[in-house]
Amino acid sequence: MTKALIVIDVQNDFCPGGALAVTGGDQIIGRVNALMGEFDTVVLTQDWHPAGHSSFASQHPGAAPFTQIDMPYGPQTLWPDHCVQGSSGAAFHPDLETGPAHLVIRKGFRPEVDSYSAFFENDHETVTGLAGYLRARGAQELTFVGLALDFCVAWSAMDAARLGFEARVLEDACRAIDLEGSLNAARDAMTAAGVKLEH
């Protein structure tokens, strides 16, 4: 049995100055880099949207960023255009050490469905392939860090728990958007799903 570190979306657009900046997003990078050497397997995820993605508020006339609409797969928060494929905003933050990564999982590249989780797109059916990779590597204990705690990190950790992995989140190596109470809601949901929250 091995342990894996899953680093969620430490990309320029989620750090200060980015299109969907998470407050203090760059402050976790030193901690994340230091953690990499402690794990048998290191996976990085990368939000990777085509231009005109359906989760962008710009694609819905009259809709404002951070409002919610109903999509065929359920409620969807609308975001500013961010992490567009090949853009500097979609690149990993330059301070993030990418050399230790064994795998990079790109998500959100299907125009019609968003993808918060490292395991499933938001339809909860379309898989990324990460679970199979981790099982093939013998990884059972998964530690999640990155951005943003209340969306992509939380959804990833909860899916891991539902898939039968042992999942923990290191909150000091995450930062949250905290959209209308989303941080506390995410903590409650993670705890209910069996995710361990640690510092």
Protein backbone atom coordinates (compact mmCIF):
# COMPACT_ATOMS: atom_id res chain seq x y z
CA MET A 1 0.00 0.00 0.00
CA THR A 2 1.36 3.40 -0.95
CA LYS A 3 0.45 7.00 -0.23
CA ALA A 4 -0.34 9.61 -2.85
CA LEU A 5 -0.35 13.40 -2.81
CA ILE A 6 -2.96 15.01 -5.06
CA VAL A 7 -2.16 18.66 -5.79
CA ILE A 8 -5.25 20.44 -7.10
CA ASP A 9 -5.07 23.28 -9.63
CA VAL A 10 -2.11 25.37 -8.43
CA GLN A 11 -2.35 27.49 -11.57
CA ASN A 12 -1.77 31.15 -12.34
CA ASP A 13 -5.44 32.00 -12.79
CA PHE A 14 -6.22 30.79 -9.25
CA CYS A 15 -3.38 32.79 -7.70
CA PRO A 16 -3.23 36.55 -6.99
CA GLY A 17 -3.45 38.47 -10.27
CA GLY A 18 -5.25 35.63 -12.01
CA ALA A 19 -8.69 35.61 -13.62
CA LEU A 20 -10.24 33.65 -10.74
CA ALA A 21 -7.81 34.51 -7.97
CA VAL A 22 -8.11 32.73 -4.63
CA THR A 23 -6.94 34.98 -1.80
CA GLY A 24 -3.49 33.82 -0.70
CA GLY A 25 -3.45 31.08 -3.31
CA ASP A 26 0.28 31.46 -3.84
CA GLN A 27 1.02 31.26 -0.10
CA ILE A 28 0.59 27.47 -0.04
CA ILE A 29 3.17 26.67 -2.70
CA GLY A 30 6.18 26.33 -0.40
CA ARG A 31 4.25 23.91 1.80
CA VAL A 32 3.02 21.92 -1.19
CA ASN A 33 6.54 21.64 -2.63
CA ALA A 34 7.89 20.45 0.72
CA LEU A 35 5.22 17.74 0.95
CA MET A 36 6.04 16.15 -2.40
CA GLY A 37 9.07 14.26 -1.13
CA GLU A 38 6.98 12.50 1.53
CA PHE A 39 4.79 10.56 -0.91
CA ASP A 40 5.25 7.54 -3.18
CA THR A 41 3.04 9.04 -5.87
CA VAL A 42 2.47 12.72 -6.72
CA VAL A 43 -0.36 13.80 -9.01
CA LEU A 44 -1.03 17.35 -10.24
CA THR A 45 -4.39 18.40 -11.62
CA GLN A 46 -4.80 21.20 -14.11
CA ASP A 47 -8.02 23.01 -14.99
CA TRP A 48 -7.97 23.04 -18.81
CA HIS A 49 -10.97 24.73 -20.40
CA PRO A 50 -11.54 25.40 -24.08
CA ALA A 51 -12.39 29.00 -24.94
CA GLY A 52 -16.13 29.47 -24.62
CA HIS A 53 -16.60 26.79 -21.96
CA SER A 54 -20.20 26.43 -20.79
CA SER A 55 -19.23 27.23 -17.18
CA PHE A 56 -18.06 30.73 -18.16
CA ALA A 57 -20.53 33.50 -17.34
CA SER A 58 -19.52 35.15 -20.63
CA GLN A 59 -21.32 32.35 -22.49
CA HIS A 60 -24.69 33.11 -20.87
CA PRO A 61 -26.05 36.54 -21.92
CA GLY A 62 -26.99 38.65 -18.93
CA ALA A 63 -25.47 36.25 -16.40
CA ALA A 64 -22.92 37.49 -13.89
CA PRO A 65 -19.93 35.55 -12.61
CA PHE A 66 -20.54 33.65 -9.34
CA THR A 67 -24.26 33.26 -10.00
CA GLN A 68 -25.76 29.82 -10.47
CA ILE A 69 -27.72 28.26 -13.30
CA ASP A 70 -29.16 24.82 -13.93
CA MET A 71 -27.28 22.66 -16.41
CA PRO A 72 -28.38 19.22 -17.65
CA TYR A 73 -26.15 17.65 -14.97
CA GLY A 74 -27.33 19.90 -12.11
CA PRO A 75 -26.61 23.32 -10.59
CA GLN A 76 -23.56 25.07 -12.02
CA THR A 77 -21.79 28.14 -10.65
CA LEU A 78 -20.78 30.48 -13.47
CA TRP A 79 -17.19 31.67 -13.41
CA PRO A 80 -15.10 34.35 -15.06
CA ASP A 81 -13.25 32.98 -18.10
CA HIS A 82 -10.25 31.17 -16.61
CA CYS A 83 -7.64 28.46 -17.28
CA VAL A 84 -8.19 28.57 -21.02
CA GLN A 85 -6.12 25.89 -22.74
CA GLY A 86 -2.64 27.04 -23.61
CA SER A 87 -2.97 30.40 -21.86
CA SER A 88 -0.55 31.71 -19.25
CA GLY A 89 -3.44 31.61 -16.77
CA ALA A 90 -3.81 27.86 -17.26
CA ALA A 91 -0.11 27.23 -16.64
CA PHE A 92 1.07 25.95 -13.29
CA HIS A 93 2.32 28.70 -10.97
CA PRO A 94 6.05 29.14 -11.72
CA ASP A 95 6.98 28.47 -8.08
CA LEU A 96 5.25 25.08 -8.06
CA GLU A 97 7.71 22.24 -8.45
CA THR A 98 6.35 20.10 -11.28
CA GLY A 99 9.38 17.83 -11.62
CA PRO A 100 8.32 15.43 -8.81
CA ALA A 101 4.90 14.83 -10.41
CA HIS A 102 4.29 11.32 -11.75
CA LEU A 103 1.03 12.26 -13.49
CA VAL A 104 -0.79 15.41 -14.61
CA ILE A 105 -4.57 15.10 -14.91
CA ARG A 106 -6.27 17.75 -17.03
CA LYS A 107 -9.95 18.36 -16.37
CA GLY A 108 -12.75 20.57 -17.64
CA PHE A 109 -11.77 20.20 -21.28
CA ARG A 110 -15.23 19.08 -22.47
CA PRO A 111 -17.08 22.27 -23.46
CA GLU A 112 -20.48 21.18 -22.17
CA VAL A 113 -19.63 20.05 -18.62
CA ASP A 114 -17.47 21.49 -15.85
CA SER A 115 -15.10 19.37 -13.82
CA TYR A 116 -14.24 20.24 -10.22
CA SER A 117 -13.20 16.78 -9.08
CA ALA A 118 -9.96 15.06 -10.01
CA PHE A 119 -11.98 11.84 -10.41
CA PHE A 120 -15.23 12.79 -12.18
CA GLU A 121 -16.64 15.61 -14.21
CA ASN A 122 -19.61 17.43 -12.69
CA ASP A 123 -22.06 14.96 -14.20
CA HIS A 124 -20.64 12.47 -11.64
CA GLU A 125 -20.41 9.90 -14.44
CA THR A 126 -17.55 10.86 -16.77
CA VAL A 127 -14.32 9.60 -15.21
CA THR A 128 -10.86 11.16 -15.52
CA GLY A 129 -9.03 7.85 -15.10
CA LEU A 130 -7.32 8.93 -11.88
CA ALA A 131 -8.90 6.24 -9.69
CA GLY A 132 -7.66 3.46 -11.95
CA TYR A 133 -4.18 4.95 -12.06
CA LEU A 134 -3.97 5.22 -8.27
CA ARG A 135 -5.22 1.67 -7.77
CA ALA A 136 -2.67 0.39 -10.29
CA ARG A 137 0.02 2.16 -8.25
CA GLY A 138 -1.29 0.58 -5.04
CA ALA A 139 -2.22 3.93 -3.53
CA GLN A 140 -4.90 3.74 -0.86
CA GLU A 141 -4.16 6.76 1.36
CA LEU A 142 -4.69 10.03 -0.52
CA THR A 143 -3.77 13.50 0.74
CA PHE A 144 -5.29 16.52 -1.00
CA VAL A 145 -3.85 20.04 -1.15
CA GLY A 146 -4.31 23.02 -3.47
CA LEU A 147 -7.00 25.34 -4.82
CA ALA A 148 -9.72 25.94 -4.08
CA LEU A 149 -10.54 24.15 -0.83
CA ASP A 150 -14.31 24.66 -1.07
CA PHE A 151 -14.67 23.55 -4.70
CA CYS A 152 -12.13 21.41 -6.55
CA VAL A 153 -10.27 20.17 -3.47
CA ALA A 154 -13.46 19.29 -1.61
CA TRP A 155 -15.13 17.58 -4.57
CA SER A 156 -11.96 15.57 -5.24
CA ALA A 157 -11.59 14.45 -1.63
CA MET A 158 -15.25 13.49 -1.31
CA ASP A 159 -15.14 11.48 -4.52
CA ALA A 160 -12.01 9.71 -3.28
CA ALA A 161 -13.80 8.73 -0.07
CA ARG A 162 -16.84 7.52 -2.00
CA LEU A 163 -14.56 5.43 -4.21
CA GLY A 164 -13.14 3.68 -1.16
CA PHE A 165 -9.86 5.53 -0.72
CA GLU A 166 -8.73 6.95 2.61
CA ALA A 167 -8.92 10.70 2.00
CA ARG A 168 -7.53 13.58 4.00
CA VAL A 169 -7.24 17.28 3.29
CA LEU A 170 -4.42 19.41 4.71
CA GLU A 171 -6.17 22.74 5.19
CA ASP A 172 -2.95 24.69 5.74
CA ALA A 173 -1.90 23.69 2.21
CA CYS A 174 -5.18 24.92 0.69
CA ARG A 175 -6.99 28.21 0.24
CA ALA A 176 -10.71 28.76 -0.34
CA ILE A 177 -12.90 31.04 -2.43
CA ASP A 178 -15.60 31.03 0.31
CA LEU A 179 -18.50 32.06 -1.89
CA GLU A 180 -21.56 32.76 0.29
CA GLY A 181 -20.59 30.28 2.98
CA SER A 182 -19.19 27.67 0.62
CA LEU A 183 -16.18 26.96 2.86
CA ASN A 184 -18.20 25.88 5.90
CA ALA A 185 -20.58 23.95 3.67
CA ALA A 186 -17.64 22.15 2.06
CA ARG A 187 -16.13 21.29 5.43
CA ASP A 188 -19.43 19.84 6.62
CA ALA A 189 -19.86 17.86 3.40
CA MET A 190 -16.32 16.50 3.52
CA THR A 191 -16.69 15.41 7.13
CA ALA A 192 -20.00 13.72 6.32
CA ALA A 193 -18.34 11.88 3.41
CA GLY A 194 -15.61 10.53 5.68
CA VAL A 195 -12.80 12.87 4.66
CA LYS A 196 -10.29 13.72 7.41
CA LEU A 197 -9.56 17.42 7.75
CA GLU A 198 -6.10 18.17 9.13
CA HIS A 199 -3.64 21.06 9.34
